[in-house]
Amino acid sequence: MSEIFGSFGGALRDLMHPRMLLLAILPMLGALALWLGLAWTYWGELTHLVDGWLAATALSHWLPVDGFLTSGKLAHVAATVLIALLLIPLVLATSNVAAALLAMPLIVGFVASRRHPALVRRNGGGFGGSVGNSLVATGGFALMWLVTLPLWLVGVLGPPLALILSAWLNQRLFFYDALAEHATTEEYKAIHGATRVRRYLLGVLVAAFYVVPLANLLVPVLCGLAFTRFALSRLAAHRAIAERRQMPSAK
C-alpha cells in the first residue's frame, strides 16, 4: 500500500507543475465542450426518442393520462435523467482517452526525466498499440456502464458502481501507455500480471477524485501521472531483479 500512496502523492505534487496543470485542464474541458455541445444541439431529438420508448412501456398503462403525475410527464423526466446518466460516462471516457493518446507521451517524458533518467527505453509498444488499448478500454467501459445502468436507479448502488467502473477504466487505459516507451513486450506482460491488485487500488484512489468539484477536471492527467510513477518504478525494480539473477552466470 505504501507504493500505491507514494505514487498517488507524487502524482499530486507533479500536478502542481505549471506544464502538467495546463495539460490536466485541457482534456476534460474539451470532452465537456464536445458532449455538452452535442447534447444541447440534439436535446429535443434525444428526449423525444427516449420519451417514445418509455411511453410504450408499462408506464402508460398504470399512470393517469391527466393530472400532476402523468405517464407523459414521468417519461420526460426519466428521459432527461437517462440522457444525463449517459453523458457522464461519455465525458469521462473521452477525456481519459484524450489524455491517454495525446498527453501520456508528455507525462511519461516528464516523470521519466525526473524520477528515472537512467531507465533505458526499449519501446515495446507504440501508437498503434495505444489506440487499440484505448478502443478496448472504452468499449469495455461503455458496455459495463450500459449493462449496469438499471442499477443506477437504486440510489445506494450508483456511487460504488461509478467508482469500480472508473477504476477499471483508469488502470486499463493508463498502465499500458505508462510502459509502452520503456518496457519490452515480455517486461510489460510480467509487470502487468504481478500488479493486478495494486493497479485496481490505484485506479480506485484516483477515481475517488471524480466526485470532487473542479478537482475532477484534473483527474485524467492526475491518473496518467500516478500510473506512470507506479509503472516506471515497477519496471526499474523488475530490471534490477533480472540483473541480479544474471550476475552469477556472468562470472
Protein backbone atom coordinates (compact mmCIF):
# COMPACT_ATOMS: atom_id res chain seq x y z
CA MET A 1 0.00 0.00 0.00
CA SER A 2 2.90 2.39 0.64
CA GLU A 3 3.84 2.07 -3.03
CA ILE A 4 0.30 2.99 -4.10
CA PHE A 5 0.06 6.01 -1.79
CA GLY A 6 3.57 7.05 -2.75
CA SER A 7 2.68 7.03 -6.46
CA PHE A 8 -0.52 8.93 -5.80
CA GLY A 9 1.13 11.52 -3.53
CA GLY A 10 3.92 12.06 -6.02
CA ALA A 11 1.38 12.49 -8.81
CA LEU A 12 -0.36 15.22 -6.79
CA ARG A 13 2.94 17.06 -6.42
CA ASP A 14 3.73 16.66 -10.13
CA LEU A 15 0.28 18.01 -10.99
CA MET A 16 1.19 21.35 -9.42
CA HIS A 17 3.88 21.90 -12.05
CA PRO A 18 2.57 24.59 -14.46
CA ARG A 19 3.10 22.37 -17.52
CA MET A 20 1.18 19.45 -16.02
CA LEU A 21 -1.54 21.73 -14.65
CA LEU A 22 -2.22 23.16 -18.09
CA LEU A 23 -2.11 19.70 -19.61
CA ALA A 24 -4.59 18.46 -16.99
CA ILE A 25 -7.26 21.07 -17.73
CA LEU A 26 -7.44 20.63 -21.49
CA PRO A 27 -8.72 17.01 -21.91
CA MET A 28 -11.67 17.36 -19.52
CA LEU A 29 -12.67 20.79 -20.80
CA GLY A 30 -12.51 19.53 -24.36
CA ALA A 31 -14.65 16.48 -23.55
CA LEU A 32 -17.19 18.61 -21.66
CA ALA A 33 -17.44 21.07 -24.54
CA LEU A 34 -17.86 18.28 -27.09
CA TRP A 35 -20.60 16.28 -25.36
CA LEU A 36 -22.48 19.19 -23.81
CA GLY A 37 -22.49 20.89 -27.20
CA LEU A 38 -23.88 17.78 -28.87
CA ALA A 39 -26.45 17.31 -26.09
CA TRP A 40 -27.56 20.95 -26.40
CA THR A 41 -27.85 20.65 -30.18
CA TYR A 42 -29.80 17.38 -30.23
CA TRP A 43 -31.55 17.54 -26.83
CA GLY A 44 -35.02 17.77 -28.34
CA GLU A 45 -34.50 14.76 -30.62
CA LEU A 46 -32.93 12.71 -27.83
CA THR A 47 -35.66 13.37 -25.29
CA HIS A 48 -38.36 12.74 -27.91
CA LEU A 49 -36.76 9.40 -28.78
CA VAL A 50 -36.48 8.24 -25.17
CA ASP A 51 -39.94 9.65 -24.35
CA GLY A 52 -41.44 7.49 -27.07
CA TRP A 53 -39.65 4.39 -25.88
CA LEU A 54 -40.62 4.89 -22.23
CA ALA A 55 -44.22 5.77 -23.12
CA ALA A 56 -44.52 2.44 -24.92
CA THR A 57 -43.64 0.53 -21.76
CA ALA A 58 -45.88 -0.37 -18.84
CA LEU A 59 -45.69 3.21 -17.56
CA SER A 60 -48.51 4.30 -19.86
CA HIS A 61 -50.83 1.57 -18.52
CA TRP A 62 -50.74 2.23 -14.77
CA LEU A 63 -50.23 6.01 -14.61
CA PRO A 64 -53.07 8.52 -15.21
CA VAL A 65 -53.26 10.35 -18.53
CA ASP A 66 -54.00 13.71 -16.84
CA GLY A 67 -53.16 15.42 -13.55
CA PHE A 68 -49.83 16.14 -11.86
CA LEU A 69 -48.07 12.79 -12.40
CA THR A 70 -48.96 11.52 -15.86
CA SER A 71 -47.17 8.88 -17.87
CA GLY A 72 -46.03 11.54 -20.35
CA LYS A 73 -44.51 13.76 -17.65
CA LEU A 74 -42.80 10.86 -15.93
CA ALA A 75 -41.43 9.62 -19.25
CA HIS A 76 -40.00 13.06 -19.99
CA VAL A 77 -38.32 13.28 -16.56
CA ALA A 78 -36.98 9.74 -16.93
CA ALA A 79 -35.66 10.57 -20.40
CA THR A 80 -33.81 13.62 -19.07
CA VAL A 81 -32.25 11.60 -16.21
CA LEU A 82 -31.29 8.76 -18.56
CA ILE A 83 -29.58 11.07 -21.04
CA ALA A 84 -27.73 12.84 -18.21
CA LEU A 85 -26.51 9.47 -16.89
CA LEU A 86 -25.28 8.55 -20.36
CA LEU A 87 -23.41 11.85 -20.71
CA ILE A 88 -21.34 11.18 -17.57
CA PRO A 89 -19.50 8.10 -18.92
CA LEU A 90 -19.14 9.72 -22.36
CA VAL A 91 -17.35 12.76 -20.90
CA LEU A 92 -15.27 10.56 -18.59
CA ALA A 93 -14.22 8.11 -21.30
CA THR A 94 -13.49 10.84 -23.86
CA SER A 95 -11.31 12.88 -21.50
CA ASN A 96 -9.39 9.78 -20.42
CA VAL A 97 -8.81 8.62 -23.99
CA ALA A 98 -7.63 12.11 -24.98
CA ALA A 99 -5.21 12.11 -22.05
CA ALA A 100 -4.01 8.57 -22.83
CA LEU A 101 -3.40 9.20 -26.53
CA LEU A 102 -2.24 12.82 -26.54
CA ALA A 103 -0.96 13.67 -23.06
CA MET A 104 0.71 10.43 -21.95
CA PRO A 105 3.87 10.84 -24.08
CA LEU A 106 4.44 14.20 -22.38
CA ILE A 107 3.58 12.77 -18.95
CA VAL A 108 5.91 9.78 -19.37
CA GLY A 109 8.74 12.04 -20.52
CA PHE A 110 8.15 14.39 -17.59
CA VAL A 111 8.16 11.62 -14.95
CA ALA A 112 10.99 9.62 -16.52
CA SER A 113 13.33 12.60 -16.76
CA ARG A 114 12.78 13.48 -13.10
CA ARG A 115 12.46 10.07 -11.48
CA HIS A 116 14.19 7.53 -13.75
CA PRO A 117 16.63 9.33 -16.08
CA ALA A 118 18.79 6.20 -16.46
CA LEU A 119 15.90 3.89 -17.36
CA VAL A 120 16.50 2.63 -20.91
CA ARG A 121 13.64 3.00 -23.40
CA ARG A 122 13.03 -0.33 -25.18
CA ASN A 123 9.82 0.68 -26.99
CA GLY A 124 7.77 -2.50 -26.59
CA GLY A 125 4.59 -0.62 -27.52
CA GLY A 126 3.65 2.09 -29.94
CA PHE A 127 0.91 4.45 -31.06
CA GLY A 128 -0.99 1.64 -32.76
CA GLY A 129 -0.96 -0.40 -29.57
CA SER A 130 -2.10 2.63 -27.59
CA VAL A 131 -5.03 3.20 -29.96
CA GLY A 132 -6.01 -0.47 -29.77
CA ASN A 133 -5.78 -0.47 -25.99
CA SER A 134 -7.91 2.70 -25.83
CA LEU A 135 -10.59 1.16 -28.07
CA VAL A 136 -10.78 -1.99 -25.96
CA ALA A 137 -10.83 0.02 -22.72
CA THR A 138 -13.55 2.45 -23.80
CA GLY A 139 -15.61 -0.30 -25.42
CA GLY A 140 -15.47 -2.43 -22.28
CA PHE A 141 -16.25 0.56 -20.09
CA ALA A 142 -19.25 1.56 -22.23
CA LEU A 143 -20.60 -1.99 -22.26
CA MET A 144 -20.30 -2.37 -18.48
CA TRP A 145 -21.91 1.05 -17.95
CA LEU A 146 -24.89 0.14 -20.16
CA VAL A 147 -25.33 -3.28 -18.53
CA THR A 148 -25.32 -1.78 -15.03
CA LEU A 149 -27.38 1.30 -15.94
CA PRO A 150 -30.65 -0.08 -14.44
CA LEU A 151 -28.87 -0.41 -11.08
CA TRP A 152 -28.26 3.33 -11.05
CA LEU A 153 -31.96 3.83 -10.36
CA VAL A 154 -31.26 2.21 -6.97
CA GLY A 155 -29.60 5.18 -5.30
CA VAL A 156 -27.19 3.34 -3.00
CA LEU A 157 -25.58 1.42 -5.88
CA GLY A 158 -24.72 4.42 -8.04
CA PRO A 159 -21.56 5.72 -6.28
CA PRO A 160 -19.84 2.33 -5.80
CA LEU A 161 -20.60 1.34 -9.39
CA ALA A 162 -19.12 4.58 -10.68
CA LEU A 163 -16.00 4.06 -8.56
CA ILE A 164 -15.50 0.46 -9.68
CA LEU A 165 -16.05 1.14 -13.38
CA SER A 166 -13.86 4.26 -13.33
CA ALA A 167 -11.09 2.34 -11.56
CA TRP A 168 -11.24 -0.38 -14.22
CA LEU A 169 -11.04 2.22 -17.00
CA ASN A 170 -8.16 4.06 -15.31
CA GLN A 171 -5.92 1.04 -14.90
CA ARG A 172 -6.77 -0.36 -18.32
CA LEU A 173 -6.07 2.90 -20.17
CA PHE A 174 -3.04 4.34 -18.44
CA PHE A 175 -0.94 1.37 -17.36
CA TYR A 176 -0.23 0.32 -20.95
CA ASP A 177 0.78 3.81 -22.06
CA ALA A 178 2.92 4.31 -18.96
CA LEU A 179 5.16 1.39 -20.03
CA ALA A 180 4.85 1.49 -23.82
CA GLU A 181 8.01 3.56 -24.40
CA HIS A 182 10.25 1.88 -21.84
CA ALA A 183 9.27 -1.78 -21.43
CA THR A 184 9.62 -4.69 -23.83
CA THR A 185 6.56 -6.85 -24.51
CA GLU A 186 7.88 -9.51 -22.13
CA GLU A 187 8.56 -6.96 -19.38
CA TYR A 188 5.08 -5.46 -19.79
CA LYS A 189 3.41 -8.89 -19.50
CA ALA A 190 5.43 -9.79 -16.41
CA ILE A 191 4.69 -6.49 -14.61
CA HIS A 192 1.06 -6.49 -15.72
CA GLY A 193 0.48 -9.95 -14.24
CA ALA A 194 2.26 -9.14 -10.99
CA THR A 195 0.49 -5.85 -10.22
CA ARG A 196 -3.19 -6.61 -10.86
CA VAL A 197 -4.47 -5.82 -7.33
CA ARG A 198 -2.27 -2.76 -6.89
CA ARG A 199 -3.36 -1.35 -10.26
CA TYR A 200 -7.02 -1.56 -9.24
CA LEU A 201 -6.29 0.02 -5.86
CA LEU A 202 -4.51 2.92 -7.53
CA GLY A 203 -7.39 3.22 -10.01
CA VAL A 204 -9.90 3.45 -7.15
CA LEU A 205 -7.82 6.04 -5.32
CA VAL A 206 -7.66 8.32 -8.36
CA ALA A 207 -11.30 7.68 -9.36
CA ALA A 208 -12.47 8.96 -5.97
CA PHE A 209 -11.49 12.47 -7.12
CA TYR A 210 -14.20 12.42 -9.79
CA VAL A 211 -16.73 13.38 -7.10
CA VAL A 212 -14.73 16.46 -6.05
CA PRO A 213 -15.97 19.56 -7.92
CA LEU A 214 -13.31 21.31 -10.03
CA ALA A 215 -10.69 18.75 -8.96
CA ASN A 216 -12.43 16.25 -11.23
CA LEU A 217 -11.31 18.34 -14.21
CA LEU A 218 -7.73 17.33 -13.43
CA VAL A 219 -8.31 13.61 -12.91
CA PRO A 220 -7.26 12.25 -16.35
CA VAL A 221 -3.76 13.72 -16.15
CA LEU A 222 -3.51 13.01 -12.41
CA CYS A 223 -4.28 9.41 -13.30
CA GLY A 224 -1.62 9.40 -16.00
CA LEU A 225 0.97 10.78 -13.57
CA ALA A 226 0.08 8.27 -10.85
CA PHE A 227 0.22 5.23 -13.16
CA THR A 228 3.42 6.43 -14.82
CA ARG A 229 5.13 6.82 -11.45
CA PHE A 230 3.90 3.39 -10.35
CA ALA A 231 4.67 1.60 -13.63
CA LEU A 232 8.17 3.02 -14.13
CA SER A 233 9.08 2.22 -10.51
CA ARG A 234 7.90 -1.36 -11.06
CA LEU A 235 9.89 -1.59 -14.29
CA ALA A 236 13.05 -0.29 -12.61
CA ALA A 237 12.63 -2.85 -9.81
CA HIS A 238 11.92 -5.63 -12.33
CA ARG A 239 15.11 -4.90 -14.25
CA ALA A 240 17.17 -4.66 -11.07
CA ILE A 241 15.98 -8.13 -10.03
CA ALA A 242 16.68 -9.52 -13.51
CA GLU A 243 20.22 -8.09 -13.45
CA ARG A 244 20.94 -9.61 -10.03
CA ARG A 245 19.76 -13.01 -11.27
CA GLN A 246 22.11 -12.82 -14.25
CA MET A 247 25.18 -11.86 -12.24
CA PRO A 248 26.28 -15.38 -11.13
CA SER A 249 26.11 -16.76 -14.68
CA ALA A 250 28.18 -13.83 -15.92
CA LYS A 251 31.18 -14.77 -13.76
